Amino acid sequence: MAITAIVVVTTLCIAAFFITLFQPLNRTVPIYSIYEVKLGVTCFLCDKGSGSEEIEFTVADICDNIVVKRKHIDIGGEDKYGHWWIEMGDESYGWWPKEPVDLSGTIFGVEGVLNGQGYFQGSATQDYHHGDDADEEFNPTLSSSAPDGYSCEEAESCSRNFATSYSGSWSWPCGQNCHSFQTSLMATCNLE
């Protein structure tokens, strides 16, 4: 009986964890007719019968103010190489070649530029694709290795500082490009 109860409780808490990924925090979501899980920093598993149990677990901090965007490779499309960037309200950051590239420039590299400024008409604080839909979009969470007390606001400031100090070449698939820019930014700023 005790093993069955542990399996049921573990299964429900795992389900509650995954539901938190798709629901606003601090909502009550019915799991089964006899159970409810209150989502937020603490998960409460309550038996509506005579007794109750309380189970606590930590939910990752989701940074709603940051959106990670990824357009996938589309050889016949506008962005043959795809494009990865982040958006933070009216700001966005991605890494581009300074000018259009041929095969040699793609492989061996050309000068890179933040947001496609210049030829691609991005600006210092907005990527050329700012506001565009992407094939993949998500709000990152704070990394479990982030320092205690680290906040999404600090991650946003870190992202801005990382982007504005980034420099160097652009090449694909090896070297610096929008993919490596985004993954480096996320690692540096404790985002997953």
Protein backbone atom coordinates (compact mmCIF):
# COMPACT_ATOMS: atom_id res chain seq x y z
CA MET A 1 0.00 0.00 0.00
CA ALA A 2 2.80 2.46 0.87
CA ILE A 3 4.63 1.82 -2.43
CA THR A 4 1.42 2.40 -4.43
CA ALA A 5 0.85 5.70 -2.61
CA ILE A 6 4.41 6.85 -3.34
CA VAL A 7 4.04 5.99 -7.04
CA VAL A 8 0.70 7.84 -7.27
CA VAL A 9 2.06 10.91 -5.44
CA THR A 10 5.25 10.95 -7.54
CA THR A 11 3.29 10.61 -10.79
CA LEU A 12 0.94 13.44 -9.86
CA CYS A 13 3.78 15.77 -8.87
CA ILE A 14 5.63 15.03 -12.12
CA ALA A 15 2.41 15.79 -14.02
CA ALA A 16 1.99 19.00 -12.04
CA PHE A 17 5.54 20.04 -12.88
CA PHE A 18 4.92 19.66 -16.62
CA ILE A 19 1.61 21.47 -16.36
CA THR A 20 3.46 24.45 -14.87
CA LEU A 21 5.32 24.77 -18.15
CA PHE A 22 2.05 25.51 -19.94
CA GLN A 23 -0.04 27.30 -17.32
CA PRO A 24 0.31 30.65 -15.57
CA LEU A 25 1.57 30.26 -12.02
CA ASN A 26 -0.72 30.12 -8.99
CA ARG A 27 -3.61 28.41 -10.74
CA THR A 28 -5.44 25.33 -9.55
CA VAL A 29 -5.54 22.67 -12.24
CA PRO A 30 -7.61 19.48 -11.80
CA ILE A 31 -5.54 16.32 -12.39
CA TYR A 32 -8.13 13.66 -11.52
CA SER A 33 -11.56 14.09 -10.03
CA ILE A 34 -10.26 13.39 -6.52
CA TYR A 35 -7.00 15.39 -6.75
CA GLU A 36 -6.06 19.02 -7.39
CA VAL A 37 -2.61 20.48 -7.73
CA LYS A 38 -2.06 24.12 -6.88
CA LEU A 39 0.73 25.40 -9.10
CA GLY A 40 3.31 27.94 -8.11
CA VAL A 41 6.51 27.69 -6.14
CA THR A 42 4.93 25.01 -3.97
CA CYS A 43 2.84 22.08 -5.19
CA PHE A 44 0.05 21.01 -2.87
CA LEU A 45 -1.47 17.59 -3.50
CA CYS A 46 -4.74 17.41 -1.63
CA ASP A 47 -7.00 14.40 -1.20
CA LYS A 48 -10.54 15.76 -1.12
CA GLY A 49 -11.46 12.96 1.26
CA SER A 50 -10.80 12.81 4.98
CA GLY A 51 -6.99 13.24 4.93
CA SER A 52 -4.49 15.29 3.00
CA GLU A 53 -0.82 15.27 2.11
CA GLU A 54 1.41 18.21 1.27
CA ILE A 55 4.28 17.83 -1.17
CA GLU A 56 6.67 20.68 -1.91
CA PHE A 57 8.91 21.14 -4.92
CA THR A 58 10.58 24.07 -6.62
CA VAL A 59 9.39 25.30 -10.01
CA ALA A 60 11.95 26.95 -12.29
CA ASP A 61 11.68 30.72 -12.70
CA ILE A 62 10.32 31.39 -16.18
CA CYS A 63 11.52 34.69 -17.66
CA ASP A 64 8.36 35.98 -19.33
CA ASN A 65 10.14 39.19 -20.36
CA ILE A 66 12.60 37.28 -22.60
CA VAL A 67 11.60 35.33 -25.72
CA VAL A 68 14.08 33.04 -27.46
CA LYS A 69 13.29 32.82 -31.20
CA ARG A 70 14.64 30.42 -33.81
CA LYS A 71 13.88 30.31 -37.53
CA HIS A 72 15.07 27.00 -38.95
CA ILE A 73 17.26 26.62 -42.03
CA ASP A 74 15.29 27.10 -45.28
CA ILE A 75 17.62 26.92 -48.28
CA GLY A 76 14.90 28.28 -50.60
CA GLY A 77 13.66 30.95 -48.17
CA GLU A 78 14.55 34.51 -47.24
CA ASP A 79 16.97 33.32 -44.53
CA LYS A 80 18.77 30.37 -46.08
CA TYR A 81 20.68 29.77 -42.84
CA GLY A 82 17.71 30.44 -40.60
CA HIS A 83 18.14 32.94 -37.79
CA TRP A 84 18.26 32.82 -33.99
CA TRP A 85 17.71 35.88 -31.80
CA ILE A 86 16.22 36.95 -28.46
CA GLU A 87 13.53 39.54 -27.79
CA MET A 88 13.03 41.55 -24.60
CA GLY A 89 10.08 43.89 -25.06
CA ASP A 90 11.10 46.55 -27.59
CA GLU A 91 14.67 45.24 -27.73
CA SER A 92 16.08 42.24 -29.58
CA TYR A 93 19.53 40.87 -30.30
CA GLY A 94 21.00 38.52 -32.92
CA TRP A 95 24.29 38.08 -34.81
CA TRP A 96 24.57 38.65 -38.56
CA PRO A 97 27.12 38.89 -41.36
CA LYS A 98 27.76 42.57 -42.06
CA GLU A 99 26.80 42.09 -45.74
CA PRO A 100 25.31 39.27 -47.84
CA VAL A 101 27.66 36.30 -48.15
CA ASP A 102 28.66 33.84 -50.83
CA LEU A 103 29.78 30.26 -50.18
CA SER A 104 33.37 31.31 -49.44
CA GLY A 105 32.28 34.00 -46.97
CA THR A 106 29.86 31.59 -45.34
CA ILE A 107 32.48 28.94 -44.69
CA PHE A 108 35.61 31.04 -44.09
CA GLY A 109 33.92 33.97 -42.39
CA VAL A 110 33.21 37.65 -42.86
CA GLU A 111 32.86 40.59 -40.51
CA GLY A 112 29.92 40.17 -38.15
CA VAL A 113 27.50 42.77 -36.84
CA LEU A 114 24.88 42.94 -34.09
CA ASN A 115 21.26 42.85 -35.28
CA GLY A 116 22.09 43.12 -38.98
CA GLN A 117 22.82 46.84 -38.69
CA GLY A 118 23.64 48.46 -42.00
CA TYR A 119 22.83 46.32 -45.02
CA PHE A 120 20.10 44.24 -43.31
CA GLN A 121 18.54 47.34 -41.69
CA GLY A 122 18.59 46.21 -38.08
CA SER A 123 19.38 48.76 -35.37
CA ALA A 124 21.56 48.88 -32.27
CA THR A 125 18.65 47.63 -30.12
CA GLN A 126 16.47 45.72 -32.60
CA ASP A 127 17.33 42.67 -34.65
CA TYR A 128 16.22 42.78 -38.29
CA HIS A 129 13.64 40.08 -37.46
CA HIS A 130 12.29 41.82 -34.33
CA GLY A 131 8.60 40.96 -33.92
CA ASP A 132 8.67 38.23 -36.57
CA ASP A 133 7.22 34.83 -35.89
CA ALA A 134 9.73 32.00 -35.63
CA ASP A 135 9.58 28.23 -36.02
CA GLU A 136 10.55 27.88 -32.38
CA GLU A 137 9.73 30.40 -29.63
CA PHE A 138 9.96 30.01 -25.87
CA ASN A 139 10.48 31.88 -22.62
CA PRO A 140 13.69 30.64 -21.04
CA THR A 141 14.03 29.66 -17.41
CA LEU A 142 16.79 30.62 -15.02
CA SER A 143 19.49 27.98 -14.95
CA SER A 144 19.72 25.78 -11.88
CA SER A 145 23.35 26.94 -11.66
CA ALA A 146 22.36 30.63 -11.41
CA PRO A 147 23.53 32.32 -8.19
CA ASP A 148 21.03 32.50 -5.31
CA GLY A 149 18.77 35.50 -5.72
CA TYR A 150 19.54 35.86 -9.45
CA SER A 151 16.44 37.23 -11.20
CA CYS A 152 14.99 37.40 -14.69
CA GLU A 153 15.60 41.15 -14.62
CA GLU A 154 19.31 40.48 -14.00
CA ALA A 155 19.29 37.95 -16.86
CA GLU A 156 17.74 40.60 -19.12
CA SER A 157 20.42 43.15 -18.16
CA CYS A 158 23.12 40.51 -18.65
CA SER A 159 21.69 39.68 -22.10
CA ARG A 160 21.77 43.34 -23.12
CA ASN A 161 25.37 43.75 -21.89
CA PHE A 162 26.47 40.51 -23.57
CA ALA A 163 24.92 41.52 -26.91
CA THR A 164 26.27 45.06 -26.98
CA SER A 165 29.81 43.89 -26.18
CA TYR A 166 29.80 40.97 -28.66
CA SER A 167 32.13 41.38 -31.63
CA GLY A 168 34.04 39.45 -34.26
CA SER A 169 33.36 37.54 -37.41
CA TRP A 170 30.36 35.62 -38.75
CA SER A 171 30.59 32.21 -40.42
CA TRP A 172 28.41 29.18 -40.78
CA PRO A 173 28.21 26.37 -39.77
CA CYS A 174 31.41 26.74 -37.74
CA GLY A 175 32.54 29.82 -35.88
CA GLN A 176 30.46 32.73 -34.65
CA ASN A 177 26.95 32.98 -36.03
CA CYS A 178 23.45 33.64 -34.73
CA HIS A 179 23.25 30.10 -33.28
CA SER A 180 26.49 30.37 -31.30
CA PHE A 181 25.60 33.96 -30.30
CA GLN A 182 22.28 32.87 -28.78
CA THR A 183 23.63 29.77 -27.03
CA SER A 184 26.61 31.73 -25.61
CA LEU A 185 24.32 34.54 -24.43
CA MET A 186 22.03 32.05 -22.69
CA ALA A 187 24.92 30.23 -21.01
CA THR A 188 26.59 33.49 -19.91
CA CYS A 189 23.32 34.91 -18.53
CA ASN A 190 22.19 31.72 -16.73
CA LEU A 191 19.25 30.97 -19.05
CA GLU A 192 18.00 27.60 -20.26
